[in-house]
N, C-alpha and C. Protein backbone atom coordinates (compact mmCIF):
# COMPACT_ATOMS: atom_id res chain seq x y z
N MET A 1 5.74 8.89 -10.06
CA MET A 1 5.11 7.59 -10.08
C MET A 1 3.96 7.58 -9.08
N LYS A 2 2.81 7.16 -9.51
CA LYS A 2 1.65 7.09 -8.63
C LYS A 2 1.61 5.70 -8.00
N LYS A 3 1.74 5.67 -6.67
CA LYS A 3 1.84 4.41 -5.94
C LYS A 3 0.62 4.24 -5.04
N ALA A 4 -0.08 3.11 -5.22
CA ALA A 4 -1.31 2.86 -4.47
C ALA A 4 -1.28 1.48 -3.83
N LEU A 5 -2.03 1.38 -2.74
CA LEU A 5 -2.22 0.10 -2.05
C LEU A 5 -3.72 -0.17 -1.97
N ILE A 6 -4.11 -1.36 -2.40
CA ILE A 6 -5.51 -1.79 -2.32
C ILE A 6 -5.58 -2.90 -1.29
N ILE A 7 -6.50 -2.77 -0.33
CA ILE A 7 -6.72 -3.81 0.66
C ILE A 7 -8.16 -4.28 0.51
N SER A 8 -8.30 -5.56 0.19
CA SER A 8 -9.63 -6.16 0.03
C SER A 8 -9.50 -7.65 0.29
N LYS A 9 -10.56 -8.26 0.78
CA LYS A 9 -10.48 -9.69 1.09
C LYS A 9 -10.66 -10.57 -0.14
N THR A 10 -11.11 -9.99 -1.26
CA THR A 10 -11.31 -10.81 -2.46
C THR A 10 -10.43 -10.33 -3.61
N GLU A 11 -9.91 -11.30 -4.35
CA GLU A 11 -9.07 -10.99 -5.52
C GLU A 11 -9.89 -10.26 -6.59
N ALA A 12 -11.16 -10.63 -6.73
CA ALA A 12 -12.00 -10.02 -7.76
C ALA A 12 -12.15 -8.51 -7.54
N SER A 13 -12.37 -8.10 -6.30
CA SER A 13 -12.51 -6.66 -6.04
C SER A 13 -11.16 -5.95 -6.17
N ILE A 14 -10.08 -6.63 -5.83
CA ILE A 14 -8.75 -6.03 -6.03
C ILE A 14 -8.53 -5.76 -7.51
N LYS A 15 -8.85 -6.74 -8.35
CA LYS A 15 -8.67 -6.57 -9.80
C LYS A 15 -9.54 -5.43 -10.34
N ALA A 16 -10.79 -5.34 -9.86
CA ALA A 16 -11.70 -4.30 -10.33
C ALA A 16 -11.17 -2.91 -9.96
N VAL A 17 -10.74 -2.74 -8.72
CA VAL A 17 -10.22 -1.44 -8.28
C VAL A 17 -8.89 -1.14 -8.99
N ALA A 18 -8.03 -2.14 -9.12
CA ALA A 18 -6.75 -1.95 -9.81
C ALA A 18 -6.98 -1.51 -11.25
N SER A 19 -7.96 -2.10 -11.90
CA SER A 19 -8.27 -1.72 -13.28
C SER A 19 -8.68 -0.26 -13.38
N LEU A 20 -9.50 0.19 -12.43
CA LEU A 20 -9.90 1.61 -12.41
C LEU A 20 -8.70 2.51 -12.16
N LEU A 21 -7.83 2.11 -11.23
CA LEU A 21 -6.66 2.93 -10.93
C LEU A 21 -5.71 3.01 -12.13
N GLU A 22 -5.50 1.87 -12.78
CA GLU A 22 -4.64 1.86 -13.97
C GLU A 22 -5.18 2.78 -15.04
N GLY A 23 -6.49 2.80 -15.19
CA GLY A 23 -7.12 3.70 -16.16
C GLY A 23 -6.92 5.16 -15.80
N GLY A 24 -6.69 5.42 -14.52
CA GLY A 24 -6.44 6.79 -14.06
C GLY A 24 -4.97 7.15 -13.97
N GLY A 25 -4.10 6.28 -14.50
CA GLY A 25 -2.67 6.59 -14.55
C GLY A 25 -1.86 6.10 -13.35
N TRP A 26 -2.45 5.32 -12.49
CA TRP A 26 -1.71 4.76 -11.35
C TRP A 26 -0.92 3.58 -11.87
N ASN A 27 0.41 3.65 -11.76
CA ASN A 27 1.24 2.64 -12.41
C ASN A 27 2.00 1.74 -11.44
N ASP A 28 1.92 1.98 -10.16
CA ASP A 28 2.59 1.13 -9.18
C ASP A 28 1.56 0.73 -8.13
N ILE A 29 0.86 -0.36 -8.40
CA ILE A 29 -0.27 -0.77 -7.55
C ILE A 29 0.11 -2.03 -6.78
N HIS A 30 -0.02 -1.94 -5.47
CA HIS A 30 0.22 -3.08 -4.59
C HIS A 30 -1.12 -3.49 -4.00
N TYR A 31 -1.21 -4.72 -3.54
CA TYR A 31 -2.47 -5.14 -2.94
C TYR A 31 -2.22 -6.10 -1.80
N SER A 32 -3.20 -6.18 -0.92
CA SER A 32 -3.17 -7.09 0.22
C SER A 32 -4.57 -7.64 0.42
N THR A 33 -4.61 -8.88 0.85
CA THR A 33 -5.91 -9.49 1.15
C THR A 33 -6.15 -9.58 2.65
N CYS A 34 -5.17 -9.12 3.44
CA CYS A 34 -5.35 -9.13 4.89
C CYS A 34 -4.64 -7.93 5.51
N VAL A 35 -5.08 -7.55 6.68
CA VAL A 35 -4.56 -6.37 7.36
C VAL A 35 -3.09 -6.54 7.73
N ASP A 36 -2.70 -7.72 8.20
CA ASP A 36 -1.29 -7.92 8.58
C ASP A 36 -0.35 -7.71 7.40
N ASP A 37 -0.71 -8.25 6.24
CA ASP A 37 0.11 -8.05 5.04
C ASP A 37 0.14 -6.57 4.65
N ALA A 38 -1.00 -5.90 4.75
CA ALA A 38 -1.07 -4.47 4.43
C ALA A 38 -0.17 -3.66 5.36
N LYS A 39 -0.16 -4.01 6.64
CA LYS A 39 0.70 -3.30 7.60
C LYS A 39 2.17 -3.46 7.23
N ARG A 40 2.57 -4.67 6.82
CA ARG A 40 3.96 -4.89 6.40
C ARG A 40 4.29 -4.04 5.18
N LYS A 41 3.38 -3.97 4.24
CA LYS A 41 3.62 -3.17 3.04
C LYS A 41 3.70 -1.68 3.39
N LEU A 42 2.91 -1.25 4.34
CA LEU A 42 2.94 0.15 4.77
C LEU A 42 4.26 0.49 5.47
N GLU A 43 4.85 -0.48 6.15
CA GLU A 43 6.15 -0.25 6.80
C GLU A 43 7.27 -0.13 5.78
N ASP A 44 7.15 -0.86 4.67
CA ASP A 44 8.22 -0.92 3.67
C ASP A 44 8.06 0.07 2.53
N ASN A 45 6.92 0.70 2.40
CA ASN A 45 6.63 1.57 1.25
C ASN A 45 5.93 2.85 1.68
N THR A 46 6.00 3.83 0.80
CA THR A 46 5.24 5.06 0.98
C THR A 46 4.23 5.12 -0.16
N PHE A 47 2.96 5.15 0.19
CA PHE A 47 1.90 5.16 -0.81
C PHE A 47 1.25 6.54 -0.86
N GLU A 48 0.83 6.91 -2.06
CA GLU A 48 0.08 8.15 -2.23
C GLU A 48 -1.41 7.92 -1.98
N LEU A 49 -1.85 6.69 -2.23
CA LEU A 49 -3.26 6.37 -2.13
C LEU A 49 -3.42 4.99 -1.50
N ILE A 50 -4.35 4.87 -0.57
CA ILE A 50 -4.70 3.59 0.03
C ILE A 50 -6.21 3.42 -0.14
N VAL A 51 -6.60 2.33 -0.78
CA VAL A 51 -8.02 2.03 -0.98
C VAL A 51 -8.35 0.81 -0.13
N VAL A 52 -9.30 0.97 0.78
CA VAL A 52 -9.73 -0.12 1.66
C VAL A 52 -11.15 -0.51 1.27
N ASN A 53 -11.29 -1.77 0.85
CA ASN A 53 -12.61 -2.29 0.49
C ASN A 53 -13.15 -3.06 1.68
N ALA A 54 -14.08 -2.47 2.40
CA ALA A 54 -14.62 -3.07 3.63
C ALA A 54 -15.80 -3.98 3.29
N PRO A 55 -16.03 -4.99 4.11
CA PRO A 55 -15.28 -5.36 5.30
C PRO A 55 -14.06 -6.21 4.95
N LEU A 56 -13.12 -6.23 5.86
CA LEU A 56 -11.95 -7.09 5.73
C LEU A 56 -12.17 -8.32 6.60
N ASP A 57 -11.35 -9.34 6.42
CA ASP A 57 -11.54 -10.56 7.21
C ASP A 57 -11.30 -10.32 8.70
N GLU A 58 -10.25 -9.55 9.02
CA GLU A 58 -9.87 -9.37 10.42
C GLU A 58 -10.70 -8.31 11.14
N GLU A 59 -11.21 -7.35 10.40
CA GLU A 59 -11.97 -6.24 11.00
C GLU A 59 -12.87 -5.64 9.94
N ASN A 60 -13.64 -4.63 10.33
CA ASN A 60 -14.58 -4.05 9.37
C ASN A 60 -13.92 -3.09 8.38
N GLY A 61 -12.68 -2.69 8.60
CA GLY A 61 -11.96 -1.82 7.68
C GLY A 61 -11.98 -0.36 8.08
N LEU A 62 -12.94 0.04 8.90
CA LEU A 62 -13.03 1.44 9.31
C LEU A 62 -11.87 1.82 10.21
N GLU A 63 -11.59 0.98 11.20
CA GLU A 63 -10.50 1.27 12.12
C GLU A 63 -9.16 1.29 11.38
N PHE A 64 -8.99 0.34 10.48
CA PHE A 64 -7.75 0.29 9.71
C PHE A 64 -7.59 1.55 8.86
N SER A 65 -8.67 2.01 8.26
CA SER A 65 -8.63 3.24 7.45
C SER A 65 -8.21 4.43 8.31
N CYS A 66 -8.76 4.52 9.50
CA CYS A 66 -8.42 5.63 10.41
C CYS A 66 -6.96 5.56 10.83
N ARG A 67 -6.46 4.35 11.13
CA ARG A 67 -5.05 4.20 11.49
C ARG A 67 -4.14 4.62 10.34
N CYS A 68 -4.50 4.23 9.13
CA CYS A 68 -3.72 4.62 7.94
C CYS A 68 -3.68 6.14 7.80
N ALA A 69 -4.83 6.77 8.03
CA ALA A 69 -4.90 8.23 7.92
C ALA A 69 -4.02 8.91 8.97
N GLU A 70 -3.95 8.33 10.16
CA GLU A 70 -3.15 8.91 11.23
C GLU A 70 -1.65 8.67 11.03
N GLU A 71 -1.29 7.53 10.45
CA GLU A 71 0.10 7.11 10.41
C GLU A 71 0.79 7.34 9.07
N THR A 72 0.06 7.73 8.03
CA THR A 72 0.66 7.93 6.72
C THR A 72 0.24 9.30 6.16
N LYS A 73 0.89 9.68 5.07
CA LYS A 73 0.51 10.90 4.37
C LYS A 73 -0.37 10.57 3.17
N ALA A 74 -0.74 9.32 3.03
CA ALA A 74 -1.55 8.88 1.89
C ALA A 74 -2.98 9.36 2.01
N CYS A 75 -3.64 9.47 0.87
CA CYS A 75 -5.07 9.69 0.86
C CYS A 75 -5.73 8.33 1.01
N ILE A 76 -6.76 8.29 1.83
CA ILE A 76 -7.42 7.03 2.13
C ILE A 76 -8.84 7.07 1.58
N ILE A 77 -9.18 6.03 0.81
CA ILE A 77 -10.54 5.88 0.31
C ILE A 77 -11.08 4.58 0.88
N LEU A 78 -12.22 4.68 1.51
CA LEU A 78 -12.89 3.53 2.11
C LEU A 78 -14.12 3.19 1.27
N ILE A 79 -14.18 1.96 0.79
CA ILE A 79 -15.33 1.49 0.01
C ILE A 79 -16.18 0.62 0.92
N VAL A 80 -17.45 1.00 1.08
CA VAL A 80 -18.36 0.27 1.98
C VAL A 80 -19.69 0.01 1.28
N ALA A 81 -20.45 -0.91 1.86
CA ALA A 81 -21.80 -1.17 1.35
C ALA A 81 -22.64 0.09 1.47
N LYS A 82 -23.51 0.30 0.49
CA LYS A 82 -24.33 1.51 0.47
C LYS A 82 -25.09 1.72 1.78
N ALA A 83 -25.62 0.64 2.36
CA ALA A 83 -26.40 0.74 3.59
C ALA A 83 -25.57 1.24 4.77
N LYS A 84 -24.25 1.04 4.72
CA LYS A 84 -23.38 1.44 5.83
C LYS A 84 -22.59 2.71 5.55
N SER A 85 -22.80 3.31 4.38
CA SER A 85 -21.95 4.44 3.99
C SER A 85 -22.10 5.67 4.88
N LEU A 86 -23.31 6.00 5.31
CA LEU A 86 -23.49 7.17 6.17
C LEU A 86 -22.86 6.97 7.54
N ASP A 87 -23.04 5.78 8.12
CA ASP A 87 -22.41 5.49 9.41
C ASP A 87 -20.90 5.50 9.29
N ALA A 88 -20.39 4.92 8.20
CA ALA A 88 -18.94 4.89 7.98
C ALA A 88 -18.41 6.32 7.83
N PHE A 89 -19.13 7.13 7.07
CA PHE A 89 -18.70 8.52 6.88
C PHE A 89 -18.64 9.25 8.22
N ASP A 90 -19.64 9.07 9.06
CA ASP A 90 -19.65 9.72 10.37
C ASP A 90 -18.43 9.32 11.21
N MET A 91 -18.02 8.07 11.08
CA MET A 91 -16.92 7.58 11.89
C MET A 91 -15.55 8.00 11.36
N VAL A 92 -15.36 8.01 10.04
CA VAL A 92 -14.02 8.20 9.48
C VAL A 92 -13.74 9.58 8.90
N SER A 93 -14.76 10.37 8.68
CA SER A 93 -14.54 11.66 8.01
C SER A 93 -13.64 12.59 8.81
N LYS A 94 -13.69 12.51 10.14
CA LYS A 94 -12.84 13.39 10.96
C LYS A 94 -11.36 13.06 10.80
N TYR A 95 -11.05 11.89 10.25
CA TYR A 95 -9.67 11.50 9.98
C TYR A 95 -9.24 11.87 8.56
N GLY A 96 -10.17 12.39 7.78
CA GLY A 96 -9.86 12.74 6.40
C GLY A 96 -10.01 11.59 5.43
N VAL A 97 -10.66 10.52 5.87
CA VAL A 97 -10.89 9.36 5.01
C VAL A 97 -12.12 9.64 4.15
N MET A 98 -11.98 9.38 2.85
CA MET A 98 -13.10 9.57 1.93
C MET A 98 -13.86 8.25 1.80
N VAL A 99 -15.17 8.32 1.78
CA VAL A 99 -16.01 7.13 1.72
C VAL A 99 -16.76 7.10 0.40
N ILE A 100 -16.75 5.93 -0.21
CA ILE A 100 -17.53 5.72 -1.43
C ILE A 100 -18.30 4.42 -1.25
N SER A 101 -19.53 4.37 -1.76
CA SER A 101 -20.37 3.19 -1.53
C SER A 101 -20.33 2.24 -2.72
N LYS A 102 -20.60 0.98 -2.39
CA LYS A 102 -20.70 -0.08 -3.41
C LYS A 102 -22.13 -0.13 -3.90
N PRO A 103 -22.36 -0.51 -5.11
CA PRO A 103 -21.39 -0.81 -6.14
C PRO A 103 -20.73 0.47 -6.65
N LEU A 104 -19.48 0.33 -7.07
CA LEU A 104 -18.71 1.49 -7.50
C LEU A 104 -19.25 2.08 -8.78
N ASN A 105 -19.41 3.38 -8.76
CA ASN A 105 -19.72 4.14 -9.97
C ASN A 105 -18.38 4.63 -10.49
N THR A 106 -18.02 4.23 -11.70
CA THR A 106 -16.69 4.53 -12.24
C THR A 106 -16.40 6.03 -12.24
N ARG A 107 -17.33 6.82 -12.70
CA ARG A 107 -17.09 8.28 -12.77
C ARG A 107 -16.90 8.86 -11.37
N GLU A 108 -17.76 8.45 -10.43
CA GLU A 108 -17.65 8.95 -9.06
C GLU A 108 -16.31 8.53 -8.45
N PHE A 109 -15.93 7.27 -8.67
CA PHE A 109 -14.66 6.78 -8.14
C PHE A 109 -13.49 7.56 -8.71
N MET A 110 -13.49 7.80 -10.02
CA MET A 110 -12.39 8.54 -10.65
C MET A 110 -12.36 10.00 -10.17
N ASN A 111 -13.52 10.59 -9.94
CA ASN A 111 -13.56 11.95 -9.39
C ASN A 111 -12.94 11.98 -7.99
N ILE A 112 -13.26 10.99 -7.18
CA ILE A 112 -12.71 10.93 -5.83
C ILE A 112 -11.20 10.70 -5.88
N ILE A 113 -10.75 9.86 -6.80
CA ILE A 113 -9.31 9.63 -6.95
C ILE A 113 -8.61 10.94 -7.33
N GLY A 114 -9.19 11.68 -8.26
CA GLY A 114 -8.61 12.97 -8.65
C GLY A 114 -8.58 13.94 -7.49
N PHE A 115 -9.67 13.99 -6.75
CA PHE A 115 -9.71 14.86 -5.57
C PHE A 115 -8.67 14.41 -4.55
N ALA A 116 -8.55 13.10 -4.36
CA ALA A 116 -7.58 12.56 -3.39
C ALA A 116 -6.16 12.97 -3.77
N ALA A 117 -5.83 12.87 -5.04
CA ALA A 117 -4.48 13.24 -5.49
C ALA A 117 -4.22 14.73 -5.25
N ALA A 118 -5.20 15.57 -5.56
CA ALA A 118 -5.04 17.00 -5.33
C ALA A 118 -4.93 17.31 -3.84
N TYR A 119 -5.75 16.65 -3.04
CA TYR A 119 -5.73 16.83 -1.59
C TYR A 119 -4.38 16.43 -1.01
N ARG A 120 -3.85 15.28 -1.47
CA ARG A 120 -2.56 14.81 -0.98
C ARG A 120 -1.46 15.80 -1.34
N LYS A 121 -1.49 16.34 -2.55
CA LYS A 121 -0.46 17.31 -2.95
C LYS A 121 -0.51 18.54 -2.06
N ARG A 122 -1.70 19.05 -1.81
CA ARG A 122 -1.82 20.22 -0.93
C ARG A 122 -1.34 19.90 0.48
N LEU A 123 -1.71 18.73 0.98
CA LEU A 123 -1.28 18.31 2.32
C LEU A 123 0.24 18.17 2.38
N THR A 124 0.82 17.51 1.40
CA THR A 124 2.27 17.33 1.37
C THR A 124 2.99 18.66 1.27
N ASP A 125 2.49 19.55 0.43
CA ASP A 125 3.10 20.89 0.31
C ASP A 125 3.02 21.63 1.64
N SER A 126 1.88 21.54 2.32
CA SER A 126 1.73 22.21 3.62
C SER A 126 2.66 21.61 4.67
N LEU A 127 2.77 20.30 4.69
CA LEU A 127 3.66 19.65 5.65
C LEU A 127 5.12 19.99 5.37
N ASP A 128 5.50 20.04 4.09
CA ASP A 128 6.87 20.42 3.73
C ASP A 128 7.17 21.86 4.16
N GLU A 129 6.22 22.75 3.95
CA GLU A 129 6.39 24.15 4.35
C GLU A 129 6.49 24.26 5.87
N ALA A 130 5.66 23.52 6.58
CA ALA A 130 5.71 23.54 8.04
C ALA A 130 7.06 23.02 8.54
N GLU A 131 7.57 21.98 7.92
CA GLU A 131 8.87 21.43 8.30
C GLU A 131 9.99 22.44 8.03
N LYS A 132 9.90 23.13 6.91
CA LYS A 132 10.89 24.15 6.58
C LYS A 132 10.86 25.29 7.61
N LEU A 133 9.66 25.74 7.96
CA LEU A 133 9.54 26.80 8.95
C LEU A 133 10.03 26.36 10.32
N LYS A 134 9.76 25.12 10.67
CA LYS A 134 10.23 24.57 11.95
C LYS A 134 11.75 24.55 11.98
N SER A 135 12.35 24.15 10.89
CA SER A 135 13.82 24.11 10.79
C SER A 135 14.40 25.52 10.90
N GLU A 136 13.78 26.47 10.23
CA GLU A 136 14.25 27.86 10.30
C GLU A 136 14.11 28.41 11.71
N LEU A 137 13.03 28.08 12.38
CA LEU A 137 12.82 28.53 13.76
C LEU A 137 13.88 27.95 14.69
N GLU A 138 14.19 26.67 14.50
CA GLU A 138 15.23 26.05 15.33
C GLU A 138 16.58 26.73 15.09
N GLU A 139 16.85 27.08 13.84
CA GLU A 139 18.10 27.76 13.51
C GLU A 139 18.17 29.12 14.21
N VAL A 140 17.08 29.85 14.17
CA VAL A 140 17.03 31.16 14.83
C VAL A 140 17.24 31.01 16.34
N LYS A 141 16.64 29.98 16.93
CA LYS A 141 16.80 29.75 18.36
C LYS A 141 18.27 29.49 18.72
N VAL A 142 18.95 28.68 17.91
CA VAL A 142 20.36 28.36 18.17
C VAL A 142 21.22 29.62 18.02
N ILE A 143 20.96 30.38 16.98
CA ILE A 143 21.74 31.61 16.76
C ILE A 143 21.49 32.61 17.89
N ASN A 144 20.25 32.74 18.32
CA ASN A 144 19.95 33.65 19.43
C ASN A 144 20.60 33.19 20.73
N ARG A 145 20.64 31.89 20.93
CA ARG A 145 21.32 31.34 22.12
C ARG A 145 22.81 31.68 22.07
N ALA A 146 23.42 31.55 20.90
CA ALA A 146 24.84 31.88 20.75
C ALA A 146 25.07 33.37 20.98
N LYS A 147 24.20 34.20 20.45
CA LYS A 147 24.35 35.65 20.67
C LYS A 147 24.24 35.98 22.16
N LEU A 148 23.30 35.35 22.84
CA LEU A 148 23.15 35.58 24.28
C LEU A 148 24.42 35.19 25.03
N LEU A 149 25.00 34.07 24.67
CA LEU A 149 26.25 33.64 25.32
C LEU A 149 27.38 34.63 25.05
N LEU A 150 27.49 35.12 23.82
CA LEU A 150 28.51 36.12 23.50
C LEU A 150 28.27 37.40 24.29
N MET A 151 27.02 37.77 24.44
CA MET A 151 26.70 38.98 25.20
C MET A 151 27.05 38.79 26.68
N GLN A 152 26.79 37.61 27.21
CA GLN A 152 27.06 37.35 28.62
C GLN A 152 28.55 37.15 28.89
N CYS A 153 29.21 36.37 28.06
CA CYS A 153 30.60 35.98 28.33
C CYS A 153 31.63 37.00 27.84
N LEU A 154 31.33 37.67 26.74
CA LEU A 154 32.29 38.63 26.17
C LEU A 154 31.78 40.06 26.23
N THR A 155 30.71 40.27 26.94
CA THR A 155 30.06 41.58 27.11
C THR A 155 29.89 42.33 25.79
N MET A 156 29.45 41.61 24.79
CA MET A 156 29.14 42.22 23.50
C MET A 156 27.71 42.73 23.54
N SER A 157 27.42 43.70 22.71
CA SER A 157 26.02 44.10 22.51
C SER A 157 25.38 43.08 21.57
N GLU A 158 24.06 43.13 21.45
CA GLU A 158 23.40 42.19 20.55
C GLU A 158 23.87 42.40 19.11
N ALA A 159 24.01 43.65 18.72
CA ALA A 159 24.46 43.95 17.36
C ALA A 159 25.88 43.42 17.13
N GLN A 160 26.75 43.56 18.13
CA GLN A 160 28.12 43.06 17.99
C GLN A 160 28.13 41.53 17.90
N ALA A 161 27.33 40.88 18.72
CA ALA A 161 27.26 39.42 18.71
C ALA A 161 26.72 38.94 17.35
N HIS A 162 25.71 39.61 16.85
CA HIS A 162 25.14 39.26 15.55
C HIS A 162 26.20 39.42 14.45
N ARG A 163 26.89 40.54 14.48
CA ARG A 163 27.94 40.81 13.47
C ARG A 163 29.07 39.80 13.59
N TYR A 164 29.44 39.43 14.81
CA TYR A 164 30.51 38.45 15.02
C TYR A 164 30.15 37.12 14.35
N ILE A 165 28.93 36.65 14.58
CA ILE A 165 28.49 35.37 14.00
C ILE A 165 28.46 35.46 12.47
N GLU A 166 27.93 36.56 11.96
CA GLU A 166 27.88 36.74 10.50
C GLU A 166 29.28 36.77 9.90
N LYS A 167 30.18 37.53 10.52
CA LYS A 167 31.55 37.69 9.99
C LYS A 167 32.29 36.36 10.04
N GLN A 168 32.14 35.62 11.14
CA GLN A 168 32.80 34.32 11.25
C GLN A 168 32.28 33.36 10.16
N ALA A 169 30.99 33.39 9.94
CA ALA A 169 30.39 32.52 8.92
C ALA A 169 30.93 32.86 7.53
N MET A 170 31.05 34.17 7.23
CA MET A 170 31.60 34.59 5.94
C MET A 170 33.07 34.19 5.83
N ASN A 171 33.85 34.47 6.86
CA ASN A 171 35.29 34.18 6.81
C ASN A 171 35.57 32.69 6.69
N MET A 172 34.76 31.89 7.35
CA MET A 172 35.00 30.45 7.34
C MET A 172 34.19 29.74 6.24
N ARG A 173 33.45 30.52 5.48
CA ARG A 173 32.63 29.98 4.40
C ARG A 173 31.74 28.84 4.88
N THR A 174 31.03 29.13 5.92
CA THR A 174 30.10 28.17 6.50
C THR A 174 28.82 28.89 6.90
N SER A 175 27.91 28.17 7.48
CA SER A 175 26.62 28.77 7.84
C SER A 175 26.70 29.45 9.22
N LYS A 176 25.79 30.39 9.41
CA LYS A 176 25.68 31.04 10.73
C LYS A 176 25.31 30.01 11.79
N LEU A 177 24.53 29.02 11.42
CA LEU A 177 24.13 27.97 12.36
C LEU A 177 25.35 27.21 12.87
N LYS A 178 26.25 26.86 11.97
CA LYS A 178 27.44 26.12 12.38
C LYS A 178 28.31 26.96 13.32
N ILE A 179 28.46 28.23 13.02
CA ILE A 179 29.23 29.13 13.90
C ILE A 179 28.54 29.25 15.25
N ALA A 180 27.21 29.39 15.23
CA ALA A 180 26.45 29.51 16.48
C ALA A 180 26.64 28.27 17.34
N LYS A 181 26.63 27.10 16.73
CA LYS A 181 26.84 25.86 17.49
C LYS A 181 28.25 25.82 18.10
N GLN A 182 29.24 26.31 17.36
CA GLN A 182 30.60 26.36 17.89
C GLN A 182 30.68 27.31 19.08
N VAL A 183 30.02 28.46 18.96
CA VAL A 183 29.99 29.44 20.06
C VAL A 183 29.35 28.80 21.30
N ILE A 184 28.26 28.11 21.10
CA ILE A 184 27.57 27.46 22.22
C ILE A 184 28.47 26.42 22.89
N ARG A 185 29.15 25.60 22.08
CA ARG A 185 30.06 24.60 22.64
C ARG A 185 31.19 25.26 23.42
N THR A 186 31.69 26.40 22.93
CA THR A 186 32.81 27.09 23.56
C THR A 186 32.41 27.76 24.86
N TYR A 187 31.28 28.44 24.88
CA TYR A 187 30.95 29.29 26.02
C TYR A 187 29.88 28.74 26.96
N GLN A 188 29.26 27.63 26.60
CA GLN A 188 28.22 27.10 27.47
C GLN A 188 28.89 26.46 28.69
N ASN A 189 28.38 26.81 29.87
CA ASN A 189 28.88 26.35 31.17
C ASN A 189 30.29 26.81 31.32
């Protein structure tokens, strides 16, 4: 399901952007007319795409776009007046926010939406892989800590400690991590 949030101060621009998104297959579209409402929606939902039509009533929209980019995994598209598009790009591009100028060109907007979706998928895949590697590294650290304790407390060699953890995991039909945690609880201090 493609889930998007549109933030704009006017209902007319929300409808126009929503219509374009629907044409591109976005089927779960939320909208806000103010930043406070958008913040509440961001707390309660995970969006793949956030479209900010600047300026907003409370602020110019640039700062809000940057905060969204920092705090979510969504792709952020900022729509600004043509005269302000270069300045906006200079300010928000380092956050990964894409800028498009008004009036909207349908083809350009749809191309950016397609790029945003592909970018988000690559980003999400990279973050998932990083999280997996981080988890594996933590597991290795715990197992190595347990082996060190076995070597210190039971005067095992590293190979013996490694084999002990593996054998216990097989015999108990559990993970090496769980055995390592038990070893740490038993022999620490």
